[in-house]
Amino acid sequence: MTRPPVRERRSERGAAVIEVVILVPALGLFLALIIAGGRVALAHQAVEASASEAARAASISRTQGHAESLASSAAAASLTGQNTRCLRTTVAVDTSGFATPVGTPASVGATVTCQVDLTGLLPGLPGSMDITATVRSPLDTYRER
C-alpha cells in the first residue's frame, strides 16, 4: 500500500494579528459614530423639552416682558437639569400673541438653539452642531391681556 503524497501546509502564524490590526480601527470608528449619534439624539430631546418648558412658562405669564424673561430662565434651567452641555444657547420667544384682543385665540412660541460639542469624537465631524427646536403654547382665550 502506498500513502498519498503529503502536502506541505502553510503556516498561519500572524494571521490573527493582521485581522485585529484591520478590525480595531473599523470598530473604533463605528463606536465613535454611535457615541456621536447618541450625543446628538440626547441633545435634540433635551432641546425640545426645554423649548416646551419655555413656551409653557411664557404662556402662563401675565405680561409680555415677564413672559420673555420667564421663558429664557425656564429653558436654561431645563437644559441644566438635563445635564446638556451646550457651547452656546440661544432662546427666542415670540410673544406677539399678547397683542391680540381678549376672546381671540393666540399663542406664544419659544425657539431654543443649542450648539452641541462634537470635537474629538470622529475625524471629519464638525466641531459643533446647532440643534434647534420650536414649540408653541396657547394663551388662555378669555384671560385679560
Protein backbone atom coordinates (compact mmCIF):
# COMPACT_ATOMS: atom_id res chain seq x y z
CA MET A 1 0.00 0.00 0.00
CA THR A 2 1.23 3.40 -0.85
CA ARG A 3 0.47 6.50 1.03
CA PRO A 4 -0.88 9.59 -0.68
CA PRO A 5 1.67 12.35 -1.07
CA VAL A 6 1.91 14.68 1.92
CA ARG A 7 1.06 18.24 1.09
CA GLU A 8 3.12 20.94 2.61
CA ARG A 9 0.98 23.11 4.92
CA ARG A 10 1.43 26.82 5.04
CA SER A 11 1.88 28.36 8.42
CA GLU A 12 -0.95 30.63 9.59
CA ARG A 13 1.16 32.36 12.17
CA GLY A 14 0.36 36.07 12.45
CA ALA A 15 -2.99 35.87 10.68
CA ALA A 16 -4.87 36.79 13.85
CA VAL A 17 -2.67 39.85 14.36
CA ILE A 18 -3.40 41.08 10.85
CA GLU A 19 -7.13 40.61 11.37
CA VAL A 20 -7.00 42.55 14.63
CA VAL A 21 -4.98 45.35 13.03
CA ILE A 22 -7.62 45.67 10.32
CA LEU A 23 -10.70 45.35 12.55
CA VAL A 24 -9.76 47.52 15.54
CA PRO A 25 -9.78 50.89 13.70
CA ALA A 26 -13.03 49.99 11.94
CA LEU A 27 -14.69 49.02 15.22
CA GLY A 28 -13.31 52.17 16.88
CA LEU A 29 -14.83 54.37 14.16
CA PHE A 30 -18.13 52.53 14.47
CA LEU A 31 -18.16 53.04 18.25
CA ALA A 32 -17.32 56.75 17.88
CA LEU A 33 -20.14 57.10 15.35
CA ILE A 34 -22.59 55.51 17.80
CA ILE A 35 -21.43 57.87 20.57
CA ALA A 36 -21.77 60.92 18.30
CA GLY A 37 -25.26 59.85 17.22
CA GLY A 38 -26.29 59.28 20.82
CA ARG A 39 -24.96 62.66 21.88
CA VAL A 40 -26.91 64.39 19.11
CA ALA A 41 -30.11 62.43 19.84
CA LEU A 42 -29.98 63.19 23.57
CA ALA A 43 -29.26 66.85 22.90
CA HIS A 44 -32.19 67.04 20.45
CA GLN A 45 -34.52 65.56 23.05
CA ALA A 46 -33.26 67.96 25.73
CA VAL A 47 -33.62 70.98 23.44
CA GLU A 48 -37.21 70.02 22.56
CA ALA A 49 -38.07 69.59 26.24
CA SER A 50 -36.53 72.94 27.16
CA ALA A 51 -38.38 74.67 24.30
CA SER A 52 -41.61 73.14 25.57
CA GLU A 53 -40.94 74.34 29.11
CA ALA A 54 -40.03 77.81 27.85
CA ALA A 55 -43.23 78.10 25.79
CA ARG A 56 -45.34 76.88 28.71
CA ALA A 57 -43.68 79.33 31.10
CA ALA A 58 -44.33 82.18 28.66
CA SER A 59 -47.97 81.18 28.18
CA ILE A 60 -48.81 81.33 31.88
CA SER A 61 -47.13 84.70 32.34
CA ARG A 62 -49.29 87.82 32.73
CA THR A 63 -47.25 90.33 30.72
CA GLN A 64 -45.23 90.23 27.55
CA GLY A 65 -41.99 91.36 29.19
CA HIS A 66 -42.34 88.91 32.04
CA ALA A 67 -43.05 86.12 29.55
CA GLU A 68 -39.75 86.64 27.75
CA SER A 69 -37.63 86.60 30.89
CA LEU A 70 -39.53 83.66 32.38
CA ALA A 71 -39.18 81.63 29.17
CA SER A 72 -35.43 82.26 28.94
CA SER A 73 -34.82 81.21 32.52
CA ALA A 74 -37.06 78.13 32.15
CA ALA A 75 -35.14 76.99 29.06
CA ALA A 76 -31.78 77.47 30.75
CA ALA A 77 -32.93 75.63 33.87
CA SER A 78 -34.29 72.76 31.77
CA LEU A 79 -31.05 72.32 29.85
CA THR A 80 -29.03 72.46 33.07
CA GLY A 81 -31.36 69.98 34.76
CA GLN A 82 -30.90 67.50 31.92
CA ASN A 83 -27.08 67.82 32.02
CA THR A 84 -26.95 69.03 28.43
CA ARG A 85 -23.64 70.70 27.71
CA CYS A 86 -24.12 73.40 25.12
CA LEU A 87 -21.29 75.56 23.86
CA ARG A 88 -23.81 78.31 23.21
CA THR A 89 -27.52 78.53 23.96
CA THR A 90 -30.00 81.00 22.48
CA VAL A 91 -33.66 81.38 23.37
CA ALA A 92 -36.02 83.38 21.15
CA VAL A 93 -39.52 83.99 22.44
CA ASP A 94 -42.43 85.03 20.21
CA THR A 95 -44.83 86.93 22.46
CA SER A 96 -46.87 88.57 19.70
CA GLY A 97 -49.91 86.64 20.93
CA PHE A 98 -50.16 89.01 23.89
CA ALA A 99 -51.14 91.80 21.49
CA THR A 100 -54.32 90.05 20.29
CA PRO A 101 -57.63 91.14 21.79
CA VAL A 102 -59.31 89.08 24.51
CA GLY A 103 -61.53 86.37 23.06
CA THR A 104 -59.24 85.76 20.09
CA PRO A 105 -57.21 82.55 20.13
CA ALA A 106 -53.49 83.28 20.46
CA SER A 107 -50.29 81.51 21.32
CA VAL A 108 -46.71 82.19 22.31
CA GLY A 109 -43.71 80.34 21.00
CA ALA A 110 -40.19 79.56 22.12
CA THR A 111 -37.26 78.60 19.92
CA VAL A 112 -34.25 77.13 21.69
CA THR A 113 -30.93 76.58 19.91
CA CYS A 114 -28.11 74.60 21.49
CA GLN A 115 -24.66 74.29 19.96
CA VAL A 116 -23.50 70.74 20.82
CA ASP A 117 -19.77 70.00 21.04
CA LEU A 118 -18.66 67.08 18.81
CA THR A 119 -14.92 67.66 18.78
CA GLY A 120 -12.68 64.68 19.28
CA LEU A 121 -15.28 62.01 18.55
CA LEU A 122 -14.59 61.29 14.89
CA PRO A 123 -12.21 62.72 12.37
CA GLY A 124 -14.19 64.62 9.77
CA LEU A 125 -17.07 65.51 12.08
CA PRO A 126 -17.69 69.22 12.52
CA GLY A 127 -16.51 70.70 15.80
CA SER A 128 -20.05 71.57 16.81
CA MET A 129 -23.61 71.21 15.62
CA ASP A 130 -26.61 73.51 16.15
CA ILE A 131 -29.78 71.80 17.33
CA THR A 132 -32.96 73.88 17.25
CA ALA A 133 -36.49 73.22 18.46
CA THR A 134 -39.58 75.44 18.33
CA VAL A 135 -42.69 74.89 20.43
CA ARG A 136 -45.87 76.96 20.67
CA SER A 137 -48.20 77.08 23.65
CA PRO A 138 -51.73 78.56 23.64
CA LEU A 139 -52.73 81.56 25.69
CA ASP A 140 -55.98 81.49 27.63
CA THR A 141 -58.51 82.99 25.19
CA TYR A 142 -60.51 84.89 27.82
CA ARG A 143 -57.69 85.95 30.09
CA GLU A 144 -57.04 89.66 30.48
CA ARG A 145 -54.01 90.70 28.48
